[in-house]
Amino acid sequence: MSSSGQASNSLGFKVNIIVEPDEGSFHAYCPALRGLHTCGDTKEEALDNAVAAAMAYLQSLIKHGDPIPYYPSATIPNRQP
């Protein structure tokens, strides 16, 4: 329950996100989430894009009742919009 006494509906997930240099920019991907690849002009931008994509990916799986992939060291920071 939240501090207001209402039930909270947030979940926390942890996934590994890998950021690598890629011809003048950066490529980020998440091995646990098939097909999740993003890019950015900086490491930070690529990571931020990958975190946003991972959150959208997981929210879509939950919304559609699809299974959440299990990956032994899977982490998404609990960010509030």
N, C-alpha and C. Protein backbone atom coordinates (compact mmCIF):
# COMPACT_ATOMS: atom_id res chain seq x y z
N MET A 1 0.83 -1.19 0.00
CA MET A 1 0.00 0.00 0.00
C MET A 1 0.87 1.24 0.00
N SER A 2 0.35 2.27 -0.62
CA SER A 2 1.09 3.53 -0.66
C SER A 2 0.89 4.28 0.64
N SER A 3 1.60 5.38 0.81
CA SER A 3 1.48 6.17 2.03
C SER A 3 0.09 6.77 2.20
N SER A 4 -0.69 6.86 1.11
CA SER A 4 -2.05 7.41 1.20
C SER A 4 -3.06 6.34 1.61
N GLY A 5 -2.58 5.08 1.78
CA GLY A 5 -3.47 4.01 2.17
C GLY A 5 -4.12 3.29 1.00
N GLN A 6 -3.78 3.71 -0.22
CA GLN A 6 -4.34 3.06 -1.40
C GLN A 6 -3.36 2.01 -1.92
N ALA A 7 -3.91 0.96 -2.52
CA ALA A 7 -3.06 -0.08 -3.09
C ALA A 7 -2.27 0.50 -4.26
N SER A 8 -1.02 0.08 -4.35
CA SER A 8 -0.16 0.50 -5.45
C SER A 8 -0.17 -0.57 -6.52
N ASN A 9 -0.14 -0.17 -7.78
CA ASN A 9 -0.13 -1.15 -8.86
C ASN A 9 1.18 -1.10 -9.65
N SER A 10 2.28 -0.79 -9.02
CA SER A 10 3.54 -0.74 -9.73
C SER A 10 4.36 -1.99 -9.41
N LEU A 11 5.11 -2.41 -10.40
CA LEU A 11 6.02 -3.54 -10.27
C LEU A 11 7.42 -3.08 -10.64
N GLY A 12 8.40 -3.73 -10.09
CA GLY A 12 9.78 -3.43 -10.45
C GLY A 12 10.38 -4.60 -11.21
N PHE A 13 11.08 -4.31 -12.28
CA PHE A 13 11.78 -5.33 -13.05
C PHE A 13 13.23 -4.91 -13.19
N LYS A 14 14.10 -5.87 -13.27
CA LYS A 14 15.51 -5.61 -13.50
C LYS A 14 15.93 -6.33 -14.77
N VAL A 15 16.53 -5.60 -15.69
CA VAL A 15 17.06 -6.18 -16.91
C VAL A 15 18.42 -5.58 -17.20
N ASN A 16 19.26 -6.36 -17.83
CA ASN A 16 20.57 -5.84 -18.26
C ASN A 16 20.40 -5.09 -19.57
N ILE A 17 20.97 -3.92 -19.64
CA ILE A 17 21.00 -3.16 -20.87
C ILE A 17 22.47 -2.93 -21.23
N ILE A 18 22.81 -3.29 -22.44
CA ILE A 18 24.20 -3.18 -22.91
C ILE A 18 24.28 -2.03 -23.90
N VAL A 19 25.26 -1.14 -23.67
CA VAL A 19 25.47 0.01 -24.55
C VAL A 19 26.86 -0.12 -25.16
N GLU A 20 26.92 -0.02 -26.50
CA GLU A 20 28.18 -0.16 -27.22
C GLU A 20 28.34 0.97 -28.23
N PRO A 21 29.60 1.37 -28.50
CA PRO A 21 29.82 2.36 -29.56
C PRO A 21 29.40 1.77 -30.90
N ASP A 22 28.88 2.64 -31.79
CA ASP A 22 28.43 2.17 -33.10
C ASP A 22 28.56 3.28 -34.13
N GLU A 23 29.69 3.33 -34.82
CA GLU A 23 29.94 4.28 -35.90
C GLU A 23 29.52 5.73 -35.59
N GLY A 24 30.08 6.29 -34.56
CA GLY A 24 29.82 7.69 -34.22
C GLY A 24 28.63 7.91 -33.30
N SER A 25 27.93 6.86 -32.96
CA SER A 25 26.82 6.97 -32.00
C SER A 25 26.91 5.75 -31.08
N PHE A 26 25.82 5.43 -30.40
CA PHE A 26 25.82 4.30 -29.47
C PHE A 26 24.59 3.44 -29.69
N HIS A 27 24.79 2.15 -29.58
CA HIS A 27 23.73 1.15 -29.73
C HIS A 27 23.47 0.54 -28.36
N ALA A 28 22.20 0.43 -27.97
CA ALA A 28 21.84 -0.18 -26.71
C ALA A 28 20.84 -1.30 -26.97
N TYR A 29 21.01 -2.40 -26.25
CA TYR A 29 20.07 -3.51 -26.40
C TYR A 29 19.91 -4.24 -25.08
N CYS A 30 18.85 -5.04 -25.03
CA CYS A 30 18.52 -5.78 -23.82
C CYS A 30 18.39 -7.26 -24.20
N PRO A 31 19.35 -8.10 -23.83
CA PRO A 31 19.30 -9.50 -24.21
C PRO A 31 18.04 -10.23 -23.73
N ALA A 32 17.47 -9.82 -22.62
CA ALA A 32 16.29 -10.50 -22.07
C ALA A 32 15.02 -10.18 -22.84
N LEU A 33 15.01 -9.07 -23.56
CA LEU A 33 13.80 -8.63 -24.26
C LEU A 33 14.07 -8.68 -25.76
N ARG A 34 13.65 -9.76 -26.36
CA ARG A 34 13.94 -10.04 -27.78
C ARG A 34 13.51 -8.87 -28.67
N GLY A 35 14.44 -8.42 -29.49
CA GLY A 35 14.16 -7.36 -30.45
C GLY A 35 14.32 -5.95 -29.91
N LEU A 36 14.68 -5.81 -28.63
CA LEU A 36 14.82 -4.47 -28.07
C LEU A 36 16.22 -3.93 -28.38
N HIS A 37 16.26 -3.02 -29.33
CA HIS A 37 17.50 -2.35 -29.75
C HIS A 37 17.17 -0.87 -29.93
N THR A 38 18.01 0.00 -29.40
CA THR A 38 17.85 1.44 -29.57
C THR A 38 19.21 2.04 -29.83
N CYS A 39 19.22 3.35 -30.06
CA CYS A 39 20.49 4.03 -30.28
C CYS A 39 20.40 5.42 -29.67
N GLY A 40 21.52 6.12 -29.66
CA GLY A 40 21.58 7.48 -29.17
C GLY A 40 22.90 8.11 -29.56
N ASP A 41 22.93 9.42 -29.54
CA ASP A 41 24.16 10.15 -29.87
C ASP A 41 25.21 10.02 -28.77
N THR A 42 24.75 9.77 -27.53
CA THR A 42 25.66 9.59 -26.39
C THR A 42 25.30 8.28 -25.70
N LYS A 43 26.20 7.80 -24.83
CA LYS A 43 25.90 6.59 -24.04
C LYS A 43 24.64 6.79 -23.22
N GLU A 44 24.54 7.97 -22.59
CA GLU A 44 23.41 8.26 -21.72
C GLU A 44 22.09 8.27 -22.50
N GLU A 45 22.12 8.86 -23.69
CA GLU A 45 20.90 8.91 -24.51
C GLU A 45 20.49 7.50 -24.95
N ALA A 46 21.45 6.70 -25.36
CA ALA A 46 21.16 5.33 -25.76
C ALA A 46 20.58 4.54 -24.58
N LEU A 47 21.16 4.71 -23.40
CA LEU A 47 20.66 4.03 -22.21
C LEU A 47 19.26 4.50 -21.86
N ASP A 48 19.03 5.81 -21.86
CA ASP A 48 17.70 6.35 -21.57
C ASP A 48 16.66 5.81 -22.55
N ASN A 49 17.03 5.76 -23.83
CA ASN A 49 16.12 5.24 -24.85
C ASN A 49 15.82 3.76 -24.60
N ALA A 50 16.84 3.00 -24.21
CA ALA A 50 16.65 1.57 -23.95
C ALA A 50 15.78 1.35 -22.71
N VAL A 51 15.96 2.15 -21.68
CA VAL A 51 15.13 2.03 -20.48
C VAL A 51 13.67 2.33 -20.83
N ALA A 52 13.44 3.40 -21.58
CA ALA A 52 12.07 3.74 -21.99
C ALA A 52 11.46 2.62 -22.84
N ALA A 53 12.26 2.07 -23.76
CA ALA A 53 11.76 0.99 -24.61
C ALA A 53 11.47 -0.27 -23.79
N ALA A 54 12.33 -0.57 -22.82
CA ALA A 54 12.11 -1.75 -21.98
C ALA A 54 10.84 -1.59 -21.15
N MET A 55 10.61 -0.41 -20.64
CA MET A 55 9.39 -0.16 -19.86
C MET A 55 8.16 -0.34 -20.74
N ALA A 56 8.19 0.20 -21.95
CA ALA A 56 7.06 0.06 -22.87
C ALA A 56 6.87 -1.41 -23.26
N TYR A 57 7.95 -2.11 -23.49
CA TYR A 57 7.91 -3.53 -23.87
C TYR A 57 7.20 -4.33 -22.76
N LEU A 58 7.66 -4.15 -21.52
CA LEU A 58 7.08 -4.89 -20.40
C LEU A 58 5.63 -4.50 -20.14
N GLN A 59 5.32 -3.21 -20.25
CA GLN A 59 3.93 -2.77 -20.07
C GLN A 59 3.03 -3.41 -21.12
N SER A 60 3.51 -3.54 -22.35
CA SER A 60 2.73 -4.17 -23.41
C SER A 60 2.50 -5.66 -23.12
N LEU A 61 3.55 -6.35 -22.65
CA LEU A 61 3.39 -7.76 -22.31
C LEU A 61 2.32 -7.93 -21.23
N ILE A 62 2.39 -7.09 -20.20
CA ILE A 62 1.43 -7.17 -19.10
C ILE A 62 0.02 -6.86 -19.61
N LYS A 63 -0.12 -5.80 -20.38
CA LYS A 63 -1.43 -5.39 -20.89
C LYS A 63 -2.09 -6.50 -21.70
N HIS A 64 -1.29 -7.22 -22.48
CA HIS A 64 -1.84 -8.25 -23.36
C HIS A 64 -1.83 -9.65 -22.74
N GLY A 65 -1.41 -9.73 -21.48
CA GLY A 65 -1.41 -11.02 -20.79
C GLY A 65 -0.35 -11.98 -21.29
N ASP A 66 0.69 -11.44 -21.91
CA ASP A 66 1.78 -12.27 -22.40
C ASP A 66 2.77 -12.56 -21.28
N PRO A 67 3.48 -13.67 -21.35
CA PRO A 67 4.44 -13.99 -20.29
C PRO A 67 5.62 -13.02 -20.28
N ILE A 68 6.10 -12.75 -19.10
CA ILE A 68 7.30 -11.91 -18.92
C ILE A 68 8.51 -12.83 -19.10
N PRO A 69 9.44 -12.48 -19.98
CA PRO A 69 10.61 -13.35 -20.16
C PRO A 69 11.43 -13.41 -18.88
N TYR A 70 11.91 -14.59 -18.58
CA TYR A 70 12.79 -14.75 -17.42
C TYR A 70 14.23 -14.74 -17.89
N TYR A 71 15.02 -13.93 -17.25
CA TYR A 71 16.45 -13.86 -17.54
C TYR A 71 17.13 -13.72 -16.20
N PRO A 72 18.06 -14.59 -15.85
CA PRO A 72 18.61 -14.65 -14.50
C PRO A 72 18.99 -13.32 -13.84
N SER A 73 19.54 -12.38 -14.58
CA SER A 73 19.90 -11.12 -13.94
C SER A 73 19.11 -9.97 -14.55
N ALA A 74 17.87 -10.20 -14.84
CA ALA A 74 17.03 -9.22 -15.47
C ALA A 74 16.78 -8.07 -14.51
N THR A 75 16.93 -5.89 -14.80
CA THR A 75 16.67 -4.78 -13.87
C THR A 75 16.19 -3.54 -14.59
N ILE A 76 14.99 -3.09 -14.28
CA ILE A 76 14.53 -1.79 -14.74
C ILE A 76 14.35 -0.92 -13.52
N PRO A 77 15.02 0.24 -13.50
CA PRO A 77 14.84 1.11 -12.35
C PRO A 77 13.38 1.55 -12.25
N ASN A 78 12.91 1.70 -11.05
CA ASN A 78 11.53 2.11 -10.83
C ASN A 78 11.46 3.63 -10.99
N ARG A 79 11.24 4.09 -12.23
CA ARG A 79 11.21 5.51 -12.53
C ARG A 79 9.77 5.99 -12.59
N GLN A 80 9.52 7.13 -12.03
CA GLN A 80 8.19 7.73 -12.09
C GLN A 80 8.19 8.77 -13.22
N PRO A 81 7.13 8.80 -14.06
CA PRO A 81 7.08 9.76 -15.17
C PRO A 81 7.07 11.20 -14.71
